[in-house]
């Protein structure tokens, strides 16, 4: 579903991402893991063109992202950030309907999809008229995911999606969300610095350091066959 080749991003004299190549299979959950500043979020944001690469290429479902209009590309890729990333002046119903409206869905389609997502995410219908400030952290994160999934995108990008939650809520929300059949059928790229989270959620982990990939593979491989001392120390949980 996603092919990244020789991807580099420079900000002035700083190389944030340095010659990164990787692929993400259809329906796979790939976790970009590493310390702050290692290039994982920059890599994620280049997939949907929130950041433009300096060199290299990214193909989503066989098409180079730079051959596509940025806003149109982002409507076809779900995006979830800390605390849901909800607009404070949008109700829950308005937030979930954002992309379907841009795609000119019928009102009845939007309402049906919204009800379906609320049920899947265990959110009560009486939240639809509420604003983000009236929701708990876990509810905001669920609504953020509902917005990302509303138009049934084949790819969802997640940037530290559970980072704003307390440890107890974080653990329960991520288990509920990644237990959804709908998300299991979606290609997910998730950024985190939490090793436990990566081990729990990833089909494969990409461990990054200083803009480069140090090791990529299934969680057990990184723990049992670390490529070097950095991987061993980082994965030692």
C-alpha atoms as a PDB file:
ATOM      1  CA  UNK A   1       0.000   0.000   0.000  1.00  0.00           C
ATOM      2  CA  UNK A   2       2.864   2.423   0.796  1.00  0.00           C
ATOM      3  CA  UNK A   3       6.306   2.436  -0.821  1.00  0.00           C
ATOM      4  CA  UNK A   4       8.965   4.869   0.423  1.00  0.00           C
ATOM      5  CA  UNK A   5      12.283   5.056  -1.435  1.00  0.00           C
ATOM      6  CA  UNK A   6      15.425   7.011  -0.486  1.00  0.00           C
ATOM      7  CA  UNK A   7      13.404   9.617   1.417  1.00  0.00           C
ATOM      8  CA  UNK A   8      15.348  12.584   2.769  1.00  0.00           C
ATOM      9  CA  UNK A   9      14.190  15.788   4.456  1.00  0.00           C
ATOM     10  CA  UNK A  10      16.514  18.677   5.246  1.00  0.00           C
ATOM     11  CA  UNK A  11      15.622  21.762   7.265  1.00  0.00           C
ATOM     12  CA  UNK A  12      18.400  24.277   6.515  1.00  0.00           C
ATOM     13  CA  UNK A  13      21.583  22.440   7.601  1.00  0.00           C
ATOM     14  CA  UNK A  14      19.728  19.793   9.669  1.00  0.00           C
ATOM     15  CA  UNK A  15      18.888  16.441   8.083  1.00  0.00           C
ATOM     16  CA  UNK A  16      15.704  15.272   9.828  1.00  0.00           C
ATOM     17  CA  UNK A  17      15.181  12.167   7.667  1.00  0.00           C
ATOM     18  CA  UNK A  18      18.195  10.585   5.993  1.00  0.00           C
ATOM     19  CA  UNK A  19      17.730   8.195   3.043  1.00  0.00           C
ATOM     20  CA  UNK A  20      14.815   6.180   4.448  1.00  0.00           C
ATOM     21  CA  UNK A  21      13.341   3.315   2.407  1.00  0.00           C
ATOM     22  CA  UNK A  22      10.516   1.043   3.579  1.00  0.00           C
ATOM     23  CA  UNK A  23       7.223  -0.475   2.503  1.00  0.00           C
ATOM     24  CA  UNK A  24       3.911  -0.988   4.290  1.00  0.00           C
ATOM     25  CA  UNK A  25       1.685  -3.878   3.273  1.00  0.00           C
ATOM     26  CA  UNK A  26      -2.050  -3.564   2.725  1.00  0.00           C
ATOM     27  CA  UNK A  27      -3.784  -3.955   6.091  1.00  0.00           C
ATOM     28  CA  UNK A  28      -0.495  -3.857   8.023  1.00  0.00           C
ATOM     29  CA  UNK A  29       0.120  -1.818  11.181  1.00  0.00           C
ATOM     30  CA  UNK A  30       3.633  -0.358  10.947  1.00  0.00           C
ATOM     31  CA  UNK A  31       4.983   1.501  13.981  1.00  0.00           C
ATOM     32  CA  UNK A  32       7.655   4.197  13.625  1.00  0.00           C
ATOM     33  CA  UNK A  33       9.496   4.069  16.941  1.00  0.00           C
ATOM     34  CA  UNK A  34      12.324   6.124  18.369  1.00  0.00           C
ATOM     35  CA  UNK A  35      13.401   8.984  20.599  1.00  0.00           C
ATOM     36  CA  UNK A  36      12.229  12.568  20.152  1.00  0.00           C
ATOM     37  CA  UNK A  37      13.852  14.149  17.104  1.00  0.00           C
ATOM     38  CA  UNK A  38      14.722  10.867  15.374  1.00  0.00           C
ATOM     39  CA  UNK A  39      12.650  11.734  12.267  1.00  0.00           C
ATOM     40  CA  UNK A  40       9.611   9.513  12.773  1.00  0.00           C
ATOM     41  CA  UNK A  41       6.965  12.273  12.758  1.00  0.00           C
ATOM     42  CA  UNK A  42       8.631  14.008   9.797  1.00  0.00           C
ATOM     43  CA  UNK A  43       8.527  10.711   7.911  1.00  0.00           C
ATOM     44  CA  UNK A  44       4.843  10.264   8.758  1.00  0.00           C
ATOM     45  CA  UNK A  45       3.916  13.785   7.633  1.00  0.00           C
ATOM     46  CA  UNK A  46       5.642  13.358   4.292  1.00  0.00           C
ATOM     47  CA  UNK A  47       3.285  10.465   3.465  1.00  0.00           C
ATOM     48  CA  UNK A  48       0.271  12.814   3.299  1.00  0.00           C
ATOM     49  CA  UNK A  49       2.325  15.835   2.171  1.00  0.00           C
ATOM     50  CA  UNK A  50       1.957  17.892   5.328  1.00  0.00           C
ATOM     51  CA  UNK A  51       5.730  18.131   4.848  1.00  0.00           C
ATOM     52  CA  UNK A  52       7.346  17.972   1.418  1.00  0.00           C
ATOM     53  CA  UNK A  53      10.444  15.764   1.036  1.00  0.00           C
ATOM     54  CA  UNK A  54      13.766  17.158  -0.100  1.00  0.00           C
ATOM     55  CA  UNK A  55      14.506  14.049  -2.167  1.00  0.00           C
ATOM     56  CA  UNK A  56      13.088  10.566  -2.600  1.00  0.00           C
ATOM     57  CA  UNK A  57       9.652   9.232  -3.453  1.00  0.00           C
ATOM     58  CA  UNK A  58       6.482   8.036  -1.729  1.00  0.00           C
ATOM     59  CA  UNK A  59       3.821   5.979  -3.484  1.00  0.00           C
ATOM     60  CA  UNK A  60       0.439   5.256  -1.928  1.00  0.00           C
ATOM     61  CA  UNK A  61      -1.504   2.483  -3.640  1.00  0.00           C
ATOM     62  CA  UNK A  62       0.865   2.706  -6.591  1.00  0.00           C
ATOM     63  CA  UNK A  63       0.624   6.465  -7.173  1.00  0.00           C
ATOM     64  CA  UNK A  64       3.357   9.003  -6.336  1.00  0.00           C
ATOM     65  CA  UNK A  65       1.954  11.403  -3.726  1.00  0.00           C
ATOM     66  CA  UNK A  66       3.649  14.381  -5.404  1.00  0.00           C
ATOM     67  CA  UNK A  67       1.614  13.736  -8.537  1.00  0.00           C
ATOM     68  CA  UNK A  68      -1.534  14.372  -6.510  1.00  0.00           C
ATOM     69  CA  UNK A  69      -3.155  17.505  -5.134  1.00  0.00           C
ATOM     70  CA  UNK A  70      -2.230  17.788  -1.444  1.00  0.00           C
ATOM     71  CA  UNK A  71      -5.706  18.496   0.015  1.00  0.00           C
ATOM     72  CA  UNK A  72      -7.307  15.795  -2.147  1.00  0.00           C
ATOM     73  CA  UNK A  73      -4.643  13.302  -1.052  1.00  0.00           C
ATOM     74  CA  UNK A  74      -5.281  14.099   2.624  1.00  0.00           C
ATOM     75  CA  UNK A  75      -9.012  13.510   2.215  1.00  0.00           C
ATOM     76  CA  UNK A  76      -8.202   9.931   1.238  1.00  0.00           C
ATOM     77  CA  UNK A  77      -5.812   9.345   4.146  1.00  0.00           C
ATOM     78  CA  UNK A  78      -7.059   9.326   7.738  1.00  0.00           C
ATOM     79  CA  UNK A  79      -4.996  11.331  10.224  1.00  0.00           C
ATOM     80  CA  UNK A  80      -5.089  11.108  14.020  1.00  0.00           C
ATOM     81  CA  UNK A  81      -2.985  13.140  16.453  1.00  0.00           C
ATOM     82  CA  UNK A  82      -2.764  13.616  20.216  1.00  0.00           C
ATOM     83  CA  UNK A  83      -6.061  14.335  21.968  1.00  0.00           C
ATOM     84  CA  UNK A  84      -7.946  13.716  18.712  1.00  0.00           C
ATOM     85  CA  UNK A  85      -6.872  16.998  17.099  1.00  0.00           C
ATOM     86  CA  UNK A  86     -10.481  18.239  17.147  1.00  0.00           C
ATOM     87  CA  UNK A  87     -11.512  21.802  16.281  1.00  0.00           C
ATOM     88  CA  UNK A  88     -12.924  23.365  19.490  1.00  0.00           C
ATOM     89  CA  UNK A  89     -15.847  25.021  17.646  1.00  0.00           C
ATOM     90  CA  UNK A  90     -17.012  21.805  15.910  1.00  0.00           C
ATOM     91  CA  UNK A  91     -19.507  19.504  17.595  1.00  0.00           C
ATOM     92  CA  UNK A  92     -18.841  15.776  17.570  1.00  0.00           C
ATOM     93  CA  UNK A  93     -21.278  15.354  14.666  1.00  0.00           C
ATOM     94  CA  UNK A  94     -19.607  18.155  12.677  1.00  0.00           C
ATOM     95  CA  UNK A  95     -16.133  16.748  13.353  1.00  0.00           C
ATOM     96  CA  UNK A  96     -16.991  13.258  12.124  1.00  0.00           C
ATOM     97  CA  UNK A  97     -18.724  14.685   9.048  1.00  0.00           C
ATOM     98  CA  UNK A  98     -15.760  16.865   7.995  1.00  0.00           C
ATOM     99  CA  UNK A  99     -14.260  14.686   5.241  1.00  0.00           C
ATOM    100  CA  UNK A 100     -17.522  13.099   4.003  1.00  0.00           C
ATOM    101  CA  UNK A 101     -18.886  16.642   3.461  1.00  0.00           C
ATOM    102  CA  UNK A 102     -15.777  17.610   1.484  1.00  0.00           C
ATOM    103  CA  UNK A 103     -16.353  14.474  -0.601  1.00  0.00           C
ATOM    104  CA  UNK A 104     -19.981  15.611  -1.140  1.00  0.00           C
ATOM    105  CA  UNK A 105     -21.634  12.651   0.553  1.00  0.00           C
ATOM    106  CA  UNK A 106     -25.401  12.791   0.954  1.00  0.00           C
ATOM    107  CA  UNK A 107     -26.621  13.912   4.389  1.00  0.00           C
ATOM    108  CA  UNK A 108     -28.300  10.561   4.981  1.00  0.00           C
ATOM    109  CA  UNK A 109     -25.023   8.740   4.197  1.00  0.00           C
ATOM    110  CA  UNK A 110     -23.128  10.923   6.657  1.00  0.00           C
ATOM    111  CA  UNK A 111     -25.694  10.389   9.404  1.00  0.00           C
ATOM    112  CA  UNK A 112     -25.707   6.630   8.878  1.00  0.00           C
ATOM    113  CA  UNK A 113     -21.894   6.432   8.900  1.00  0.00           C
ATOM    114  CA  UNK A 114     -21.735   8.613  12.035  1.00  0.00           C
ATOM    115  CA  UNK A 115     -24.163   6.367  13.931  1.00  0.00           C
ATOM    116  CA  UNK A 116     -22.224   3.299  12.788  1.00  0.00           C
ATOM    117  CA  UNK A 117     -18.909   4.702  14.035  1.00  0.00           C
ATOM    118  CA  UNK A 118     -20.338   5.800  17.389  1.00  0.00           C
ATOM    119  CA  UNK A 119     -21.601   2.285  17.969  1.00  0.00           C
ATOM    120  CA  UNK A 120     -18.289   0.696  16.970  1.00  0.00           C
ATOM    121  CA  UNK A 121     -16.323   3.074  19.186  1.00  0.00           C
ATOM    122  CA  UNK A 122     -18.698   2.691  22.133  1.00  0.00           C
ATOM    123  CA  UNK A 123     -19.703   6.356  22.172  1.00  0.00           C
ATOM    124  CA  UNK A 124     -23.266   7.331  23.196  1.00  0.00           C
ATOM    125  CA  UNK A 125     -25.450   9.110  20.640  1.00  0.00           C
ATOM    126  CA  UNK A 126     -26.019  11.995  23.078  1.00  0.00           C
ATOM    127  CA  UNK A 127     -22.432  13.149  22.471  1.00  0.00           C
ATOM    128  CA  UNK A 128     -23.203  14.298  18.926  1.00  0.00           C
ATOM    129  CA  UNK A 129     -24.118  17.849  19.943  1.00  0.00           C
ATOM    130  CA  UNK A 130     -21.245  18.266  22.380  1.00  0.00           C
ATOM    131  CA  UNK A 131     -17.970  20.124  21.841  1.00  0.00           C
ATOM    132  CA  UNK A 132     -14.460  18.750  22.527  1.00  0.00           C
ATOM    133  CA  UNK A 133     -14.144  20.665  25.814  1.00  0.00           C
ATOM    134  CA  UNK A 134     -17.164  18.724  27.110  1.00  0.00           C
ATOM    135  CA  UNK A 135     -15.586  15.320  26.426  1.00  0.00           C
ATOM    136  CA  UNK A 136     -13.136  13.189  28.381  1.00  0.00           C
ATOM    137  CA  UNK A 137      -9.689  12.515  26.935  1.00  0.00           C
ATOM    138  CA  UNK A 138     -10.683   9.004  25.931  1.00  0.00           C
ATOM    139  CA  UNK A 139     -13.841  10.280  24.244  1.00  0.00           C
ATOM    140  CA  UNK A 140     -11.903  12.924  22.307  1.00  0.00           C
ATOM    141  CA  UNK A 141      -9.485  10.277  21.063  1.00  0.00           C
ATOM    142  CA  UNK A 142     -12.346   8.032  19.946  1.00  0.00           C
ATOM    143  CA  UNK A 143     -14.001  10.932  18.134  1.00  0.00           C
ATOM    144  CA  UNK A 144     -10.672  11.751  16.468  1.00  0.00           C
ATOM    145  CA  UNK A 145     -10.476   8.193  15.182  1.00  0.00           C
ATOM    146  CA  UNK A 146     -14.114   8.300  14.046  1.00  0.00           C
ATOM    147  CA  UNK A 147     -13.308  11.434  12.023  1.00  0.00           C
ATOM    148  CA  UNK A 148     -10.267   9.716  10.496  1.00  0.00           C
ATOM    149  CA  UNK A 149     -12.257   6.601   9.551  1.00  0.00           C
ATOM    150  CA  UNK A 150     -15.448   8.343   8.433  1.00  0.00           C
ATOM    151  CA  UNK A 151     -14.757   8.219   4.685  1.00  0.00           C
ATOM    152  CA  UNK A 152     -13.350   4.659   4.889  1.00  0.00           C
ATOM    153  CA  UNK A 153      -9.767   5.612   3.916  1.00  0.00           C
ATOM    154  CA  UNK A 154      -7.432   2.761   2.943  1.00  0.00           C
ATOM    155  CA  UNK A 155      -4.607   4.365   4.975  1.00  0.00           C
ATOM    156  CA  UNK A 156      -4.660   5.951   8.452  1.00  0.00           C
ATOM    157  CA  UNK A 157      -1.678   7.845   9.889  1.00  0.00           C
ATOM    158  CA  UNK A 158      -1.414   8.237  13.664  1.00  0.00           C
ATOM    159  CA  UNK A 159       1.015  10.626  15.357  1.00  0.00           C
ATOM    160  CA  UNK A 160       1.361   9.816  19.086  1.00  0.00           C
ATOM    161  CA  UNK A 161      -2.438   9.317  19.186  1.00  0.00           C
ATOM    162  CA  UNK A 162      -2.552   8.245  22.842  1.00  0.00           C
ATOM    163  CA  UNK A 163       0.124  10.587  24.174  1.00  0.00           C
ATOM    164  CA  UNK A 164      -2.270  12.961  25.934  1.00  0.00           C
ATOM    165  CA  UNK A 165      -4.045  10.208  27.894  1.00  0.00           C
ATOM    166  CA  UNK A 166      -3.208   8.966  31.380  1.00  0.00           C
ATOM    167  CA  UNK A 167      -1.624   5.475  31.430  1.00  0.00           C
ATOM    168  CA  UNK A 168      -4.808   3.654  32.480  1.00  0.00           C
ATOM    169  CA  UNK A 169      -7.035   5.320  29.853  1.00  0.00           C
ATOM    170  CA  UNK A 170      -4.288   5.051  27.238  1.00  0.00           C
ATOM    171  CA  UNK A 171      -4.027   1.293  27.698  1.00  0.00           C
ATOM    172  CA  UNK A 172      -7.779   0.694  27.493  1.00  0.00           C
ATOM    173  CA  UNK A 173      -8.486   3.063  24.594  1.00  0.00           C
ATOM    174  CA  UNK A 174      -5.745   1.659  22.363  1.00  0.00           C
ATOM    175  CA  UNK A 175      -6.890  -1.914  23.012  1.00  0.00           C
ATOM    176  CA  UNK A 176     -10.476  -1.020  22.158  1.00  0.00           C
ATOM    177  CA  UNK A 177      -9.527   0.905  19.018  1.00  0.00           C
ATOM    178  CA  UNK A 178      -7.123  -1.666  17.640  1.00  0.00           C
ATOM    179  CA  UNK A 179      -9.638  -4.382  18.366  1.00  0.00           C
ATOM    180  CA  UNK A 180     -11.964  -2.917  15.734  1.00  0.00           C
ATOM    181  CA  UNK A 181     -12.334  -5.117  12.665  1.00  0.00           C
ATOM    182  CA  UNK A 182     -12.485  -1.957  10.548  1.00  0.00           C
ATOM    183  CA  UNK A 183      -9.057  -0.827  11.721  1.00  0.00           C
ATOM    184  CA  UNK A 184      -7.620  -4.316  11.222  1.00  0.00           C
ATOM    185  CA  UNK A 185      -8.517  -4.037   7.537  1.00  0.00           C
ATOM    186  CA  UNK A 186      -6.870  -0.600   7.226  1.00  0.00           C
ATOM    187  CA  UNK A 187      -3.198   0.152   6.570  1.00  0.00           C
ATOM    188  CA  UNK A 188      -1.954   1.994   9.661  1.00  0.00           C
ATOM    189  CA  UNK A 189       1.307   3.883  10.201  1.00  0.00           C
ATOM    190  CA  UNK A 190       1.665   4.892  13.847  1.00  0.00           C
ATOM    191  CA  UNK A 191       4.335   7.076  15.472  1.00  0.00           C
ATOM    192  CA  UNK A 192       5.250   6.512  19.112  1.00  0.00           C
ATOM    193  CA  UNK A 193       8.194   6.634  21.499  1.00  0.00           C
ATOM    194  CA  UNK A 194       6.477   4.092  23.790  1.00  0.00           C
ATOM    195  CA  UNK A 195       8.145   0.680  23.393  1.00  0.00           C
ATOM    196  CA  UNK A 196       5.308  -1.169  25.146  1.00  0.00           C
ATOM    197  CA  UNK A 197       2.779   0.418  22.810  1.00  0.00           C
ATOM    198  CA  UNK A 198       4.833  -0.555  19.759  1.00  0.00           C
ATOM    199  CA  UNK A 199       5.199  -4.144  20.965  1.00  0.00           C
ATOM    200  CA  UNK A 200       1.459  -4.413  21.562  1.00  0.00           C
ATOM    201  CA  UNK A 201       0.193  -2.853  18.328  1.00  0.00           C
ATOM    202  CA  UNK A 202       2.781  -3.388  15.572  1.00  0.00           C
ATOM    203  CA  UNK A 203       2.920  -6.029  12.891  1.00  0.00           C
ATOM    204  CA  UNK A 204       6.365  -4.563  12.218  1.00  0.00           C
ATOM    205  CA  UNK A 205       8.443  -1.912  13.962  1.00  0.00           C
ATOM    206  CA  UNK A 206      10.734   0.620  12.295  1.00  0.00           C
ATOM    207  CA  UNK A 207      13.223   1.792  14.920  1.00  0.00           C
ATOM    208  CA  UNK A 208      14.800   5.115  13.963  1.00  0.00           C
ATOM    209  CA  UNK A 209      17.722   7.122  15.302  1.00  0.00           C
ATOM    210  CA  UNK A 210      19.135  10.400  13.980  1.00  0.00           C
ATOM    211  CA  UNK A 211      16.948  10.323  10.876  1.00  0.00           C
ATOM    212  CA  UNK A 212      17.871   6.814   9.774  1.00  0.00           C
ATOM    213  CA  UNK A 213      16.353   3.344  10.142  1.00  0.00           C
ATOM    214  CA  UNK A 214      18.374   1.286  12.614  1.00  0.00           C
ATOM    215  CA  UNK A 215      16.300  -1.884  12.338  1.00  0.00           C
ATOM    216  CA  UNK A 216      12.977  -2.934  10.862  1.00  0.00           C
ATOM    217  CA  UNK A 217      11.111  -6.147  11.584  1.00  0.00           C
ATOM    218  CA  UNK A 218       8.445  -7.883  13.694  1.00  0.00           C
ATOM    219  CA  UNK A 219       8.439  -6.923  17.413  1.00  0.00           C
ATOM    220  CA  UNK A 220       9.921 -10.235  18.556  1.00  0.00           C
ATOM    221  CA  UNK A 221      12.781  -9.915  16.084  1.00  0.00           C
ATOM    222  CA  UNK A 222      13.848  -6.521  17.457  1.00  0.00           C
ATOM    223  CA  UNK A 223      13.737  -7.834  21.015  1.00  0.00           C
ATOM    224  CA  UNK A 224      15.384 -11.193  20.396  1.00  0.00           C
ATOM    225  CA  UNK A 225      17.749 -10.312  17.537  1.00  0.00           C
ATOM    226  CA  UNK A 226      18.716  -6.645  18.011  1.00  0.00           C
ATOM    227  CA  UNK A 227      20.893  -5.304  15.203  1.00  0.00           C
ATOM    228  CA  UNK A 228      23.174  -3.414  17.585  1.00  0.00           C
ATOM    229  CA  UNK A 229      23.558  -2.064  21.134  1.00  0.00           C
ATOM    230  CA  UNK A 230      21.221   0.869  20.471  1.00  0.00           C
ATOM    231  CA  UNK A 231      18.354  -1.470  19.516  1.00  0.00           C
ATOM    232  CA  UNK A 232      19.050  -3.733  22.491  1.00  0.00           C
ATOM    233  CA  UNK A 233      19.016  -0.831  24.946  1.00  0.00           C
ATOM    234  CA  UNK A 234      15.956   0.829  23.391  1.00  0.00           C
ATOM    235  CA  UNK A 235      13.876  -2.365  23.309  1.00  0.00           C
ATOM    236  CA  UNK A 236      14.885  -3.478  26.799  1.00  0.00           C
ATOM    237  CA  UNK A 237      11.521  -3.100  28.568  1.00  0.00           C
END
